[in-house]
Amino acid sequence: MIMGYIPFKREVPVNVFQEGELLGRFIADFFIYDKILIELKVKLQLAIDGCKQVLRYLKALKPNLGILVNYYKNPLEYKRILNPN
């Protein structure tokens, strides 16, 4: 591994299912080390819909941790979300 390099994937396709039915194909912003999902927002404040979105992505991609980041505010606002599965 190269010193200082963080392996990541950008704009990762996510197939979201509910009760075995495909709800749709979405795009997650970043997937780091194939273990951490990062979802970026630009909003006045983080809302429950952003948290639900990250939870759906966590269930589909199977990482343990998602981080929802709002970079509208200074300093950044973020929320750690754990995969319930």
PDB file of N, CA and C in Angstrom:
ATOM      1  N   MET A   1       0.836  -1.179   0.000  1.00  0.00           N
ATOM      2  CA  MET A   1       0.000   0.000   0.000  1.00  0.00           C
ATOM      3  C   MET A   1       0.883   1.246   0.000  1.00  0.00           C
ATOM      4  N   ILE A   2       0.521   2.223  -0.778  1.00  0.00           N
ATOM      5  CA  ILE A   2       1.273   3.466  -0.859  1.00  0.00           C
ATOM      6  C   ILE A   2       0.958   4.313   0.363  1.00  0.00           C
ATOM      7  N   MET A   3       1.991   4.860   1.004  1.00  0.00           N
ATOM      8  CA  MET A   3       1.818   5.675   2.197  1.00  0.00           C
ATOM      9  C   MET A   3       0.961   6.893   1.879  1.00  0.00           C
ATOM     10  N   GLY A   4      -0.077   7.126   2.672  1.00  0.00           N
ATOM     11  CA  GLY A   4      -0.938   8.278   2.492  1.00  0.00           C
ATOM     12  C   GLY A   4      -2.081   8.050   1.518  1.00  0.00           C
ATOM     13  N   TYR A   5      -2.138   6.880   0.879  1.00  0.00           N
ATOM     14  CA  TYR A   5      -3.202   6.593  -0.071  1.00  0.00           C
ATOM     15  C   TYR A   5      -4.381   5.941   0.651  1.00  0.00           C
ATOM     16  N   ILE A   6      -5.565   6.456   0.422  1.00  0.00           N
ATOM     17  CA  ILE A   6      -6.779   5.876   0.985  1.00  0.00           C
ATOM     18  C   ILE A   6      -7.586   5.302  -0.175  1.00  0.00           C
ATOM     19  N   PRO A   7      -7.740   3.973  -0.238  1.00  0.00           N
ATOM     20  CA  PRO A   7      -8.497   3.380  -1.347  1.00  0.00           C
ATOM     21  C   PRO A   7      -9.986   3.718  -1.224  1.00  0.00           C
ATOM     22  N   PHE A   8     -10.562   4.188  -2.322  1.00  0.00           N
ATOM     23  CA  PHE A   8     -11.975   4.544  -2.307  1.00  0.00           C
ATOM     24  C   PHE A   8     -12.591   4.327  -3.681  1.00  0.00           C
ATOM     25  N   LYS A   9     -13.913   4.208  -3.670  1.00  0.00           N
ATOM     26  CA  LYS A   9     -14.693   4.154  -4.899  1.00  0.00           C
ATOM     27  C   LYS A   9     -15.657   5.328  -4.854  1.00  0.00           C
ATOM     28  N   ARG A  10     -15.858   5.952  -5.987  1.00  0.00           N
ATOM     29  CA  ARG A  10     -16.729   7.122  -6.073  1.00  0.00           C
ATOM     30  C   ARG A  10     -17.963   6.769  -6.895  1.00  0.00           C
ATOM     31  N   GLU A  11     -19.111   7.287  -6.496  1.00  0.00           N
ATOM     32  CA  GLU A  11     -20.377   7.071  -7.189  1.00  0.00           C
ATOM     33  C   GLU A  11     -20.647   5.577  -7.401  1.00  0.00           C
ATOM     34  N   VAL A  12     -20.801   4.884  -6.285  1.00  0.00           N
ATOM     35  CA  VAL A  12     -20.993   3.433  -6.271  1.00  0.00           C
ATOM     36  C   VAL A  12     -22.471   3.108  -6.499  1.00  0.00           C
ATOM     37  N   PRO A  13     -22.791   2.298  -7.524  1.00  0.00           N
ATOM     38  CA  PRO A  13     -24.186   1.915  -7.739  1.00  0.00           C
ATOM     39  C   PRO A  13     -24.696   1.010  -6.611  1.00  0.00           C
ATOM     40  N   VAL A  14     -25.927   1.267  -6.175  1.00  0.00           N
ATOM     41  CA  VAL A  14     -26.538   0.505  -5.084  1.00  0.00           C
ATOM     42  C   VAL A  14     -27.933   0.064  -5.519  1.00  0.00           C
ATOM     43  N   ASN A  15     -28.161  -1.241  -5.530  1.00  0.00           N
ATOM     44  CA  ASN A  15     -29.510  -1.769  -5.765  1.00  0.00           C
ATOM     45  C   ASN A  15     -30.184  -1.924  -4.416  1.00  0.00           C
ATOM     46  N   VAL A  16     -31.274  -1.203  -4.206  1.00  0.00           N
ATOM     47  CA  VAL A  16     -31.982  -1.231  -2.928  1.00  0.00           C
ATOM     48  C   VAL A  16     -33.233  -2.090  -3.062  1.00  0.00           C
ATOM     49  N   PHE A  17     -33.340  -3.072  -2.165  1.00  0.00           N
ATOM     50  CA  PHE A  17     -34.476  -3.997  -2.157  1.00  0.00           C
ATOM     51  C   PHE A  17     -35.278  -3.817  -0.875  1.00  0.00           C
ATOM     52  N   GLN A  18     -36.570  -4.061  -0.976  1.00  0.00           N
ATOM     53  CA  GLN A  18     -37.419  -4.101   0.210  1.00  0.00           C
ATOM     54  C   GLN A  18     -38.370  -5.277   0.046  1.00  0.00           C
ATOM     55  N   GLU A  19     -38.329  -6.203   0.999  1.00  0.00           N
ATOM     56  CA  GLU A  19     -39.144  -7.416   0.965  1.00  0.00           C
ATOM     57  C   GLU A  19     -38.973  -8.166  -0.361  1.00  0.00           C
ATOM     58  N   GLY A  20     -37.729  -8.218  -0.840  1.00  0.00           N
ATOM     59  CA  GLY A  20     -37.398  -8.953  -2.056  1.00  0.00           C
ATOM     60  C   GLY A  20     -37.679  -8.217  -3.356  1.00  0.00           C
ATOM     61  N   GLU A  21     -38.282  -7.042  -3.286  1.00  0.00           N
ATOM     62  CA  GLU A  21     -38.606  -6.250  -4.475  1.00  0.00           C
ATOM     63  C   GLU A  21     -37.577  -5.136  -4.656  1.00  0.00           C
ATOM     64  N   LEU A  22     -37.119  -4.962  -5.882  1.00  0.00           N
ATOM     65  CA  LEU A  22     -36.168  -3.895  -6.187  1.00  0.00           C
ATOM     66  C   LEU A  22     -36.880  -2.549  -6.127  1.00  0.00           C
ATOM     67  N   LEU A  23     -36.442  -1.685  -5.190  1.00  0.00           N
ATOM     68  CA  LEU A  23     -37.004  -0.341  -5.091  1.00  0.00           C
ATOM     69  C   LEU A  23     -36.392   0.580  -6.136  1.00  0.00           C
ATOM     70  N   GLY A  24     -35.126   0.331  -6.433  1.00  0.00           N
ATOM     71  CA  GLY A  24     -34.459   1.161  -7.424  1.00  0.00           C
ATOM     72  C   GLY A  24     -32.953   1.031  -7.347  1.00  0.00           C
ATOM     73  N   ARG A  25     -32.308   1.666  -8.312  1.00  0.00           N
ATOM     74  CA  ARG A  25     -30.847   1.696  -8.358  1.00  0.00           C
ATOM     75  C   ARG A  25     -30.423   3.118  -8.034  1.00  0.00           C
ATOM     76  N   PHE A  26     -29.590   3.245  -7.004  1.00  0.00           N
ATOM     77  CA  PHE A  26     -29.165   4.554  -6.526  1.00  0.00           C
ATOM     78  C   PHE A  26     -27.645   4.656  -6.592  1.00  0.00           C
ATOM     79  N   ILE A  27     -27.121   5.817  -6.294  1.00  0.00           N
ATOM     80  CA  ILE A  27     -25.678   6.058  -6.336  1.00  0.00           C
ATOM     81  C   ILE A  27     -25.205   6.563  -4.966  1.00  0.00           C
ATOM     82  N   ALA A  28     -24.337   5.790  -4.332  1.00  0.00           N
ATOM     83  CA  ALA A  28     -23.707   6.222  -3.083  1.00  0.00           C
ATOM     84  C   ALA A  28     -22.489   7.075  -3.433  1.00  0.00           C
ATOM     85  N   ASP A  29     -22.236   8.109  -2.658  1.00  0.00           N
ATOM     86  CA  ASP A  29     -21.163   9.053  -3.000  1.00  0.00           C
ATOM     87  C   ASP A  29     -19.770   8.425  -2.934  1.00  0.00           C
ATOM     88  N   PHE A  30     -19.403   7.849  -1.786  1.00  0.00           N
ATOM     89  CA  PHE A  30     -18.068   7.265  -1.633  1.00  0.00           C
ATOM     90  C   PHE A  30     -18.135   5.982  -0.818  1.00  0.00           C
ATOM     91  N   PHE A  31     -17.236   5.061  -1.141  1.00  0.00           N
ATOM     92  CA  PHE A  31     -17.075   3.816  -0.404  1.00  0.00           C
ATOM     93  C   PHE A  31     -15.580   3.689  -0.137  1.00  0.00           C
ATOM     94  N   ILE A  32     -15.174   3.768   1.134  1.00  0.00           N
ATOM     95  CA  ILE A  32     -13.766   3.834   1.508  1.00  0.00           C
ATOM     96  C   ILE A  32     -13.336   2.509   2.125  1.00  0.00           C
ATOM     97  N   TYR A  33     -12.182   1.997   1.667  1.00  0.00           N
ATOM     98  CA  TYR A  33     -11.639   0.717   2.149  1.00  0.00           C
ATOM     99  C   TYR A  33     -12.645  -0.429   2.001  1.00  0.00           C
ATOM    100  N   ASP A  34     -13.645  -0.284   1.174  1.00  0.00           N
ATOM    101  CA  ASP A  34     -14.727  -1.262   1.041  1.00  0.00           C
ATOM    102  C   ASP A  34     -15.381  -1.553   2.390  1.00  0.00           C
ATOM    103  N   LYS A  35     -15.328  -0.585   3.311  1.00  0.00           N
ATOM    104  CA  LYS A  35     -15.864  -0.773   4.652  1.00  0.00           C
ATOM    105  C   LYS A  35     -16.686   0.401   5.164  1.00  0.00           C
ATOM    106  N   ILE A  36     -16.459   1.585   4.628  1.00  0.00           N
ATOM    107  CA  ILE A  36     -17.114   2.785   5.147  1.00  0.00           C
ATOM    108  C   ILE A  36     -17.826   3.505   4.012  1.00  0.00           C
ATOM    109  N   LEU A  37     -19.104   3.756   4.210  1.00  0.00           N
ATOM    110  CA  LEU A  37     -19.909   4.482   3.241  1.00  0.00           C
ATOM    111  C   LEU A  37     -19.946   5.952   3.636  1.00  0.00           C
ATOM    112  N   ILE A  38     -19.685   6.839   2.701  1.00  0.00           N
ATOM    113  CA  ILE A  38     -19.764   8.282   2.943  1.00  0.00           C
ATOM    114  C   ILE A  38     -20.829   8.852   2.017  1.00  0.00           C
ATOM    115  N   GLU A  39     -21.808   9.529   2.584  1.00  0.00           N
ATOM    116  CA  GLU A  39     -22.859  10.177   1.800  1.00  0.00           C
ATOM    117  C   GLU A  39     -22.804  11.677   2.102  1.00  0.00           C
ATOM    118  N   LEU A  40     -22.689  12.480   1.050  1.00  0.00           N
ATOM    119  CA  LEU A  40     -22.538  13.928   1.192  1.00  0.00           C
ATOM    120  C   LEU A  40     -23.852  14.646   0.911  1.00  0.00           C
ATOM    121  N   LYS A  41     -24.110  15.678   1.691  1.00  0.00           N
ATOM    122  CA  LYS A  41     -25.299  16.506   1.519  1.00  0.00           C
ATOM    123  C   LYS A  41     -24.901  17.977   1.645  1.00  0.00           C
ATOM    124  N   VAL A  42     -25.708  18.832   1.033  1.00  0.00           N
ATOM    125  CA  VAL A  42     -25.574  20.282   1.206  1.00  0.00           C
ATOM    126  C   VAL A  42     -26.965  20.779   1.594  1.00  0.00           C
ATOM    127  N   LYS A  43     -27.220  20.833   2.901  1.00  0.00           N
ATOM    128  CA  LYS A  43     -28.534  21.214   3.420  1.00  0.00           C
ATOM    129  C   LYS A  43     -28.361  22.117   4.632  1.00  0.00           C
ATOM    130  N   LEU A  44     -29.416  22.840   4.980  1.00  0.00           N
ATOM    131  CA  LEU A  44     -29.358  23.681   6.169  1.00  0.00           C
ATOM    132  C   LEU A  44     -29.089  22.853   7.417  1.00  0.00           C
ATOM    133  N   GLN A  45     -29.648  21.648   7.460  1.00  0.00           N
ATOM    134  CA  GLN A  45     -29.381  20.726   8.568  1.00  0.00           C
ATOM    135  C   GLN A  45     -29.632  19.299   8.113  1.00  0.00           C
ATOM    136  N   LEU A  46     -29.000  18.354   8.790  1.00  0.00           N
ATOM    137  CA  LEU A  46     -29.223  16.952   8.466  1.00  0.00           C
ATOM    138  C   LEU A  46     -30.634  16.565   8.859  1.00  0.00           C
ATOM    139  N   ALA A  47     -31.279  15.792   8.012  1.00  0.00           N
ATOM    140  CA  ALA A  47     -32.659  15.389   8.263  1.00  0.00           C
ATOM    141  C   ALA A  47     -32.758  13.868   8.301  1.00  0.00           C
ATOM    142  N   ILE A  48     -33.900  13.393   8.766  1.00  0.00           N
ATOM    143  CA  ILE A  48     -34.120  11.953   8.904  1.00  0.00           C
ATOM    144  C   ILE A  48     -34.070  11.246   7.552  1.00  0.00           C
ATOM    145  N   ASP A  49     -34.455  11.919   6.467  1.00  0.00           N
ATOM    146  CA  ASP A  49     -34.438  11.265   5.152  1.00  0.00           C
ATOM    147  C   ASP A  49     -33.020  10.903   4.731  1.00  0.00           C
ATOM    148  N   GLY A  50     -32.042  11.723   5.076  1.00  0.00           N
ATOM    149  CA  GLY A  50     -30.642  11.403   4.789  1.00  0.00           C
ATOM    150  C   GLY A  50     -30.170  10.193   5.580  1.00  0.00           C
ATOM    151  N   CYS A  51     -30.595  10.099   6.830  1.00  0.00           N
ATOM    152  CA  CYS A  51     -30.239   8.943   7.666  1.00  0.00           C
ATOM    153  C   CYS A  51     -30.863   7.669   7.115  1.00  0.00           C
ATOM    154  N   LYS A  52     -32.114   7.748   6.690  1.00  0.00           N
ATOM    155  CA  LYS A  52     -32.787   6.577   6.121  1.00  0.00           C
ATOM    156  C   LYS A  52     -32.112   6.138   4.827  1.00  0.00           C
ATOM    157  N   GLN A  53     -31.678   7.103   4.038  1.00  0.00           N
ATOM    158  CA  GLN A  53     -30.974   6.793   2.794  1.00  0.00           C
ATOM    159  C   GLN A  53     -29.693   6.023   3.089  1.00  0.00           C
ATOM    160  N   VAL A  54     -28.915   6.494   4.054  1.00  0.00           N
ATOM    161  CA  VAL A  54     -27.666   5.817   4.417  1.00  0.00           C
ATOM    162  C   VAL A  54     -27.961   4.412   4.948  1.00  0.00           C
ATOM    163  N   LEU A  55     -29.001   4.256   5.747  1.00  0.00           N
ATOM    164  CA  LEU A  55     -29.364   2.920   6.256  1.00  0.00           C
ATOM    165  C   LEU A  55     -29.712   1.967   5.116  1.00  0.00           C
ATOM    166  N   ARG A  56     -30.431   2.437   4.112  1.00  0.00           N
ATOM    167  CA  ARG A  56     -30.756   1.584   2.962  1.00  0.00           C
ATOM    168  C   ARG A  56     -29.486   1.162   2.234  1.00  0.00           C
ATOM    169  N   TYR A  57     -28.554   2.097   2.060  1.00  0.00           N
ATOM    170  CA  TYR A  57     -27.291   1.785   1.387  1.00  0.00           C
ATOM    171  C   TYR A  57     -26.459   0.807   2.209  1.00  0.00           C
ATOM    172  N   LEU A  58     -26.462   0.970   3.537  1.00  0.00           N
ATOM    173  CA  LEU A  58     -25.712   0.059   4.403  1.00  0.00           C
ATOM    174  C   LEU A  58     -26.255  -1.367   4.291  1.00  0.00           C
ATOM    175  N   LYS A  59     -27.559  -1.488   4.259  1.00  0.00           N
ATOM    176  CA  LYS A  59     -28.162  -2.819   4.143  1.00  0.00           C
ATOM    177  C   LYS A  59     -27.809  -3.465   2.804  1.00  0.00           C
ATOM    178  N   ALA A  60     -27.727  -2.651   1.749  1.00  0.00           N
ATOM    179  CA  ALA A  60     -27.435  -3.191   0.413  1.00  0.00           C
ATOM    180  C   ALA A  60     -25.956  -3.514   0.229  1.00  0.00           C
ATOM    181  N   LEU A  61     -25.067  -2.648   0.704  1.00  0.00           N
ATOM    182  CA  LEU A  61     -23.623  -2.819   0.470  1.00  0.00           C
ATOM    183  C   LEU A  61     -22.923  -3.610   1.569  1.00  0.00           C
ATOM    184  N   LYS A  62     -23.534  -3.743   2.727  1.00  0.00           N
ATOM    185  CA  LYS A  62     -23.049  -4.543   3.857  1.00  0.00           C
ATOM    186  C   LYS A  62     -21.836  -3.999   4.625  1.00  0.00           C
ATOM    187  N   PRO A  63     -21.493  -2.716   4.526  1.00  0.00           N
ATOM    188  CA  PRO A  63     -20.421  -2.236   5.419  1.00  0.00           C
ATOM    189  C   PRO A  63     -20.999  -2.041   6.826  1.00  0.00           C
ATOM    190  N   ASN A  64     -20.136  -1.888   7.805  1.00  0.00           N
ATOM    191  CA  ASN A  64     -20.584  -1.689   9.184  1.00  0.00           C
ATOM    192  C   ASN A  64     -20.901  -0.241   9.511  1.00  0.00           C
ATOM    193  N   LEU A  65     -20.304   0.692   8.771  1.00  0.00           N
ATOM    194  CA  LEU A  65     -20.396   2.101   9.145  1.00  0.00           C
ATOM    195  C   LEU A  65     -20.734   2.976   7.954  1.00  0.00           C
ATOM    196  N   GLY A  66     -21.652   3.905   8.179  1.00  0.00           N
ATOM    197  CA  GLY A  66     -21.952   4.943   7.205  1.00  0.00           C
ATOM    198  C   GLY A  66     -21.772   6.292   7.876  1.00  0.00           C
ATOM    199  N   ILE A  67     -21.306   7.259   7.129  1.00  0.00           N
ATOM    200  CA  ILE A  67     -21.154   8.614   7.658  1.00  0.00           C
ATOM    201  C   ILE A  67     -21.896   9.561   6.724  1.00  0.00           C
ATOM    202  N   LEU A  68     -22.860  10.258   7.285  1.00  0.00           N
ATOM    203  CA  LEU A  68     -23.639  11.249   6.556  1.00  0.00           C
ATOM    204  C   LEU A  68     -23.018  12.606   6.864  1.00  0.00           C
ATOM    205  N   VAL A  69     -22.579  13.312   5.826  1.00  0.00           N
ATOM    206  CA  VAL A  69     -21.850  14.570   6.010  1.00  0.00           C
ATOM    207  C   VAL A  69     -22.620  15.709   5.355  1.00  0.00           C
ATOM    208  N   ASN A  70     -22.823  16.776   6.112  1.00  0.00           N
ATOM    209  CA  ASN A  70     -23.428  17.995   5.589  1.00  0.00           C
ATOM    210  C   ASN A  70     -22.334  19.059   5.551  1.00  0.00           C
ATOM    211  N   TYR A  71     -21.911  19.418   4.359  1.00  0.00           N
ATOM    212  CA  TYR A  71     -20.839  20.409   4.283  1.00  0.00           C
ATOM    213  C   TYR A  71     -21.361  21.804   3.959  1.00  0.00           C
ATOM    214  N   TYR A  72     -22.659  22.018   4.175  1.00  0.00           N
ATOM    215  CA  TYR A  72     -23.221  23.362   4.069  1.00  0.00           C
ATOM    216  C   TYR A  72     -22.762  24.210   5.247  1.00  0.00           C
ATOM    217  N   LYS A  73     -22.678  23.558   6.412  1.00  0.00           N
ATOM    218  CA  LYS A  73     -22.323  24.276   7.640  1.00  0.00           C
ATOM    219  C   LYS A  73     -20.817  24.330   7.839  1.00  0.00           C
ATOM    220  N   ASN A  74     -20.389  25.327   8.586  1.00  0.00           N
ATOM    221  CA  ASN A  74     -18.984  25.458   8.961  1.00  0.00           C
ATOM    222  C   ASN A  74     -18.933  25.574  10.476  1.00  0.00           C
ATOM    223  N   PRO A  75     -18.402  24.587  11.192  1.00  0.00           N
ATOM    224  CA  PRO A  75     -17.702  23.400  10.703  1.00  0.00           C
ATOM    225  C   PRO A  75     -18.695  22.371  10.156  1.00  0.00           C
ATOM    226  N   LEU A  76     -18.146  21.372   9.486  1.00  0.00           N
ATOM    227  CA  LEU A  76     -18.963  20.303   8.920  1.00  0.00           C
ATOM    228  C   LEU A  76     -19.854  19.676   9.981  1.00  0.00           C
ATOM    229  N   GLU A  77     -21.031  19.276   9.567  1.00  0.00           N
ATOM    230  CA  GLU A  77     -21.939  18.533  10.433  1.00  0.00           C
ATOM    231  C   GLU A  77     -21.936  17.090   9.927  1.00  0.00           C
ATOM    232  N   TYR A  78     -21.827  16.131  10.824  1.00  0.00           N
ATOM    233  CA  TYR A  78     -21.806  14.738  10.385  1.00  0.00           C
ATOM    234  C   TYR A  78     -22.529  13.854  11.390  1.00  0.00           C
ATOM    235  N   LYS A  79     -22.928  12.683  10.894  1.00  0.00           N
ATOM    236  CA  LYS A  79     -23.599  11.713  11.756  1.00  0.00           C
ATOM    237  C   LYS A  79     -23.085  10.329  11.385  1.00  0.00           C
ATOM    238  N   ARG A  80     -22.641   9.586  12.378  1.00  0.00           N
ATOM    239  CA  ARG A  80     -22.214   8.200  12.204  1.00  0.00           C
ATOM    240  C   ARG A  80     -23.446   7.321  12.292  1.00  0.00           C
ATOM    241  N   ILE A  81     -23.579   6.390  11.343  1.00  0.00           N
ATOM    242  CA  ILE A  81     -24.716   5.493  11.309  1.00  0.00           C
ATOM    243  C   ILE A  81     -24.197   4.071  11.197  1.00  0.00           C
ATOM    244  N   LEU A  82     -24.575   3.219  12.130  1.00  0.00           N
ATOM    245  CA  LEU A  82     -24.128   1.833  12.143  1.00  0.00           C
ATOM    246  C   LEU A  82     -25.127   0.950  11.407  1.00  0.00           C
ATOM    247  N   ASN A  83     -24.606  -0.064  10.731  1.00  0.00           N
ATOM    248  CA  ASN A  83     -25.446  -1.022  10.034  1.00  0.00           C
ATOM    249  C   ASN A  83     -26.153  -1.893  11.080  1.00  0.00           C
ATOM    250  N   PRO A  84     -27.479  -1.943  11.082  1.00  0.00           N
ATOM    251  CA  PRO A  84     -28.183  -2.726  12.104  1.00  0.00           C
ATOM    252  C   PRO A  84     -28.112  -4.234  11.868  1.00  0.00           C
ATOM    253  N   ASN A  85     -27.642  -4.657  10.706  1.00  0.00           N
ATOM    254  CA  ASN A  85     -27.579  -6.101  10.398  1.00  0.00           C
ATOM    255  C   ASN A  85     -26.279  -6.714  10.867  1.00  0.00           C
TER     256      ASN A  85
END
